[in-house]
C-alpha cells in the first residue's frame, strides 16, 4: 500500500494572503500538484487564483472595524 505524502504547508480552508497583494485575504480551496487554488475571502464571486506555496503567506491582516 502506498503512503500518503502531504507536502503542503497550508491546509484547505486556511486563511492566507498573497505576498504580492498582502491586503487581499484568501482562503485555500484546493491543493493539487503543488498548486494552491485560492478564493477571495471578501468576494467569493471573483475568479480564483492559482498560486505556488512560495507566493503565499499565513500572515493575514486583521479587518478594521
N, C-alpha and C. Protein backbone atom coordinates (compact mmCIF):
# COMPACT_ATOMS: atom_id res chain seq x y z
N UNK A 1 0.85 -1.18 0.00
CA UNK A 1 0.00 0.00 0.00
C UNK A 1 0.89 1.24 0.00
N UNK A 2 0.51 2.25 -0.79
CA UNK A 2 1.27 3.48 -0.88
C UNK A 2 1.02 4.37 0.33
N UNK A 3 2.05 5.06 0.74
CA UNK A 3 1.91 6.04 1.81
C UNK A 3 1.39 7.34 1.22
N UNK A 4 0.52 7.99 1.95
CA UNK A 4 0.02 9.30 1.53
C UNK A 4 1.05 10.36 1.92
N UNK A 5 1.52 11.11 0.94
CA UNK A 5 2.51 12.15 1.20
C UNK A 5 1.83 13.50 1.18
N UNK A 6 1.95 14.22 2.26
CA UNK A 6 1.41 15.58 2.31
C UNK A 6 2.56 16.54 2.45
N UNK A 7 2.87 17.20 1.38
CA UNK A 7 3.99 18.13 1.39
C UNK A 7 3.52 19.58 1.39
N UNK A 8 2.22 19.77 1.57
CA UNK A 8 1.72 21.14 1.55
C UNK A 8 1.83 21.79 2.93
N UNK A 9 2.15 23.05 2.93
CA UNK A 9 2.30 23.82 4.16
C UNK A 9 0.96 24.32 4.68
N UNK A 10 0.06 24.68 3.77
CA UNK A 10 -1.25 25.23 4.15
C UNK A 10 -2.33 24.19 3.90
N UNK A 11 -3.34 24.20 4.75
CA UNK A 11 -4.44 23.24 4.66
C UNK A 11 -5.65 23.88 3.98
N UNK A 12 -6.51 23.05 3.42
CA UNK A 12 -7.74 23.55 2.80
C UNK A 12 -8.59 24.25 3.85
N UNK A 13 -9.12 25.42 3.48
CA UNK A 13 -9.93 26.21 4.40
C UNK A 13 -9.13 27.21 5.22
N UNK A 14 -7.81 27.17 5.13
CA UNK A 14 -6.96 28.09 5.89
C UNK A 14 -6.92 29.46 5.22
N UNK A 15 -6.95 30.51 6.04
CA UNK A 15 -6.86 31.88 5.55
C UNK A 15 -5.39 32.23 5.31
N UNK A 16 -5.10 32.77 4.13
CA UNK A 16 -3.75 33.18 3.75
C UNK A 16 -3.85 34.48 2.96
N UNK A 17 -2.72 35.00 2.54
CA UNK A 17 -2.73 36.11 1.59
C UNK A 17 -1.52 35.97 0.68
N UNK A 18 -1.63 36.57 -0.50
CA UNK A 18 -0.54 36.52 -1.47
C UNK A 18 0.53 37.52 -1.06
N UNK A 19 1.78 37.18 -1.26
CA UNK A 19 2.88 38.06 -0.89
C UNK A 19 2.84 39.35 -1.71
N UNK A 20 2.46 39.26 -2.98
CA UNK A 20 2.44 40.45 -3.82
C UNK A 20 1.18 41.31 -3.64
N UNK A 21 0.18 40.83 -2.90
CA UNK A 21 -1.02 41.60 -2.59
C UNK A 21 -1.44 41.28 -1.15
N UNK A 22 -0.70 41.79 -0.17
CA UNK A 22 -0.91 41.38 1.22
C UNK A 22 -2.24 41.82 1.83
N UNK A 23 -2.95 42.76 1.24
CA UNK A 23 -4.22 43.20 1.80
C UNK A 23 -5.40 42.37 1.30
N UNK A 24 -5.20 41.54 0.28
CA UNK A 24 -6.24 40.66 -0.23
C UNK A 24 -6.25 39.36 0.57
N UNK A 25 -7.32 39.14 1.31
CA UNK A 25 -7.42 37.92 2.11
C UNK A 25 -7.94 36.78 1.24
N UNK A 26 -7.28 35.62 1.33
CA UNK A 26 -7.62 34.45 0.53
C UNK A 26 -7.90 33.26 1.43
N UNK A 27 -8.60 32.28 0.87
CA UNK A 27 -8.84 31.01 1.56
C UNK A 27 -8.42 29.90 0.61
N UNK A 28 -7.66 28.94 1.13
CA UNK A 28 -7.24 27.80 0.33
C UNK A 28 -8.47 26.94 0.06
N UNK A 29 -8.80 26.77 -1.22
CA UNK A 29 -9.93 25.93 -1.59
C UNK A 29 -9.47 24.51 -1.90
N UNK A 30 -8.31 24.41 -2.57
CA UNK A 30 -7.84 23.10 -3.00
C UNK A 30 -6.33 23.13 -3.19
N UNK A 31 -5.69 21.99 -3.02
CA UNK A 31 -4.25 21.84 -3.25
C UNK A 31 -4.04 20.64 -4.15
N UNK A 32 -3.53 20.89 -5.37
CA UNK A 32 -3.30 19.82 -6.34
C UNK A 32 -1.98 20.05 -7.04
N UNK A 33 -1.14 19.03 -7.09
CA UNK A 33 0.14 19.09 -7.80
C UNK A 33 0.96 20.33 -7.43
N UNK A 34 1.06 20.58 -6.15
CA UNK A 34 1.85 21.70 -5.60
C UNK A 34 1.33 23.08 -5.97
N UNK A 35 0.08 23.16 -6.36
CA UNK A 35 -0.55 24.45 -6.66
C UNK A 35 -1.73 24.63 -5.72
N UNK A 36 -1.82 25.81 -5.11
CA UNK A 36 -2.92 26.16 -4.23
C UNK A 36 -3.96 26.95 -5.03
N UNK A 37 -5.19 26.50 -4.98
CA UNK A 37 -6.30 27.22 -5.61
C UNK A 37 -7.01 27.99 -4.51
N UNK A 38 -7.01 29.32 -4.64
CA UNK A 38 -7.49 30.18 -3.56
C UNK A 38 -8.68 31.01 -4.00
N UNK A 39 -9.64 31.16 -3.08
CA UNK A 39 -10.79 32.04 -3.29
C UNK A 39 -10.55 33.31 -2.50
N UNK A 40 -11.12 34.41 -2.97
CA UNK A 40 -11.05 35.66 -2.23
C UNK A 40 -12.04 35.58 -1.07
N UNK A 41 -11.58 35.83 0.12
CA UNK A 41 -12.41 35.71 1.31
C UNK A 41 -13.53 36.76 1.32
N UNK A 42 -13.22 37.97 0.91
CA UNK A 42 -14.20 39.06 0.96
C UNK A 42 -15.13 39.09 -0.25
N UNK A 43 -14.78 38.40 -1.33
CA UNK A 43 -15.58 38.40 -2.55
C UNK A 43 -15.47 37.05 -3.24
N UNK A 44 -16.25 36.05 -2.78
CA UNK A 44 -16.12 34.69 -3.34
C UNK A 44 -16.53 34.58 -4.81
N UNK A 45 -17.20 35.59 -5.35
CA UNK A 45 -17.60 35.56 -6.76
C UNK A 45 -16.46 35.88 -7.71
N UNK A 46 -15.38 36.47 -7.20
CA UNK A 46 -14.22 36.78 -8.04
C UNK A 46 -13.54 35.50 -8.51
N UNK A 47 -12.84 35.61 -9.61
CA UNK A 47 -12.12 34.48 -10.18
C UNK A 47 -11.05 34.00 -9.20
N UNK A 48 -10.90 32.68 -9.11
CA UNK A 48 -9.91 32.09 -8.20
C UNK A 48 -8.49 32.38 -8.66
N UNK A 49 -7.57 32.30 -7.73
CA UNK A 49 -6.15 32.42 -8.03
C UNK A 49 -5.49 31.05 -7.88
N UNK A 50 -4.55 30.76 -8.74
CA UNK A 50 -3.74 29.56 -8.64
C UNK A 50 -2.32 30.02 -8.30
N UNK A 51 -1.86 29.66 -7.10
CA UNK A 51 -0.58 30.16 -6.60
C UNK A 51 0.30 29.03 -6.09
N UNK A 52 1.60 29.24 -6.20
CA UNK A 52 2.55 28.32 -5.60
C UNK A 52 2.74 28.68 -4.13
N UNK A 53 3.27 27.72 -3.36
CA UNK A 53 3.46 27.93 -1.93
C UNK A 53 4.37 29.13 -1.64
N UNK A 54 5.37 29.34 -2.47
CA UNK A 54 6.30 30.46 -2.25
C UNK A 54 5.65 31.82 -2.46
N UNK A 55 4.46 31.85 -3.06
CA UNK A 55 3.74 33.11 -3.32
C UNK A 55 2.74 33.44 -2.22
N UNK A 56 2.63 32.58 -1.21
CA UNK A 56 1.65 32.76 -0.14
C UNK A 56 2.32 33.03 1.20
N UNK A 57 1.56 33.67 2.09
CA UNK A 57 1.99 33.85 3.47
C UNK A 57 0.78 33.64 4.37
N UNK A 58 1.02 33.16 5.57
CA UNK A 58 -0.07 32.93 6.51
C UNK A 58 -0.34 34.16 7.38
N UNK A 59 0.42 35.23 7.17
CA UNK A 59 0.22 36.46 7.95
C UNK A 59 -0.90 37.28 7.32
N UNK A 60 -2.12 36.97 7.73
CA UNK A 60 -3.32 37.61 7.19
C UNK A 60 -3.60 38.88 7.99
N UNK A 61 -3.79 40.03 7.31
CA UNK A 61 -4.09 41.26 8.03
C UNK A 61 -5.47 41.21 8.68
N UNK A 62 -5.60 41.85 9.83
CA UNK A 62 -6.88 41.92 10.52
C UNK A 62 -7.75 42.97 9.85
N UNK A 63 -9.06 42.74 9.89
CA UNK A 63 -10.00 43.71 9.34
C UNK A 63 -10.20 44.84 10.33
N UNK A 64 -10.26 46.06 9.83
CA UNK A 64 -10.53 47.21 10.70
C UNK A 64 -12.02 47.41 10.82
N UNK A 65 -12.48 47.60 12.03
CA UNK A 65 -13.92 47.76 12.26
C UNK A 65 -14.36 49.19 12.08
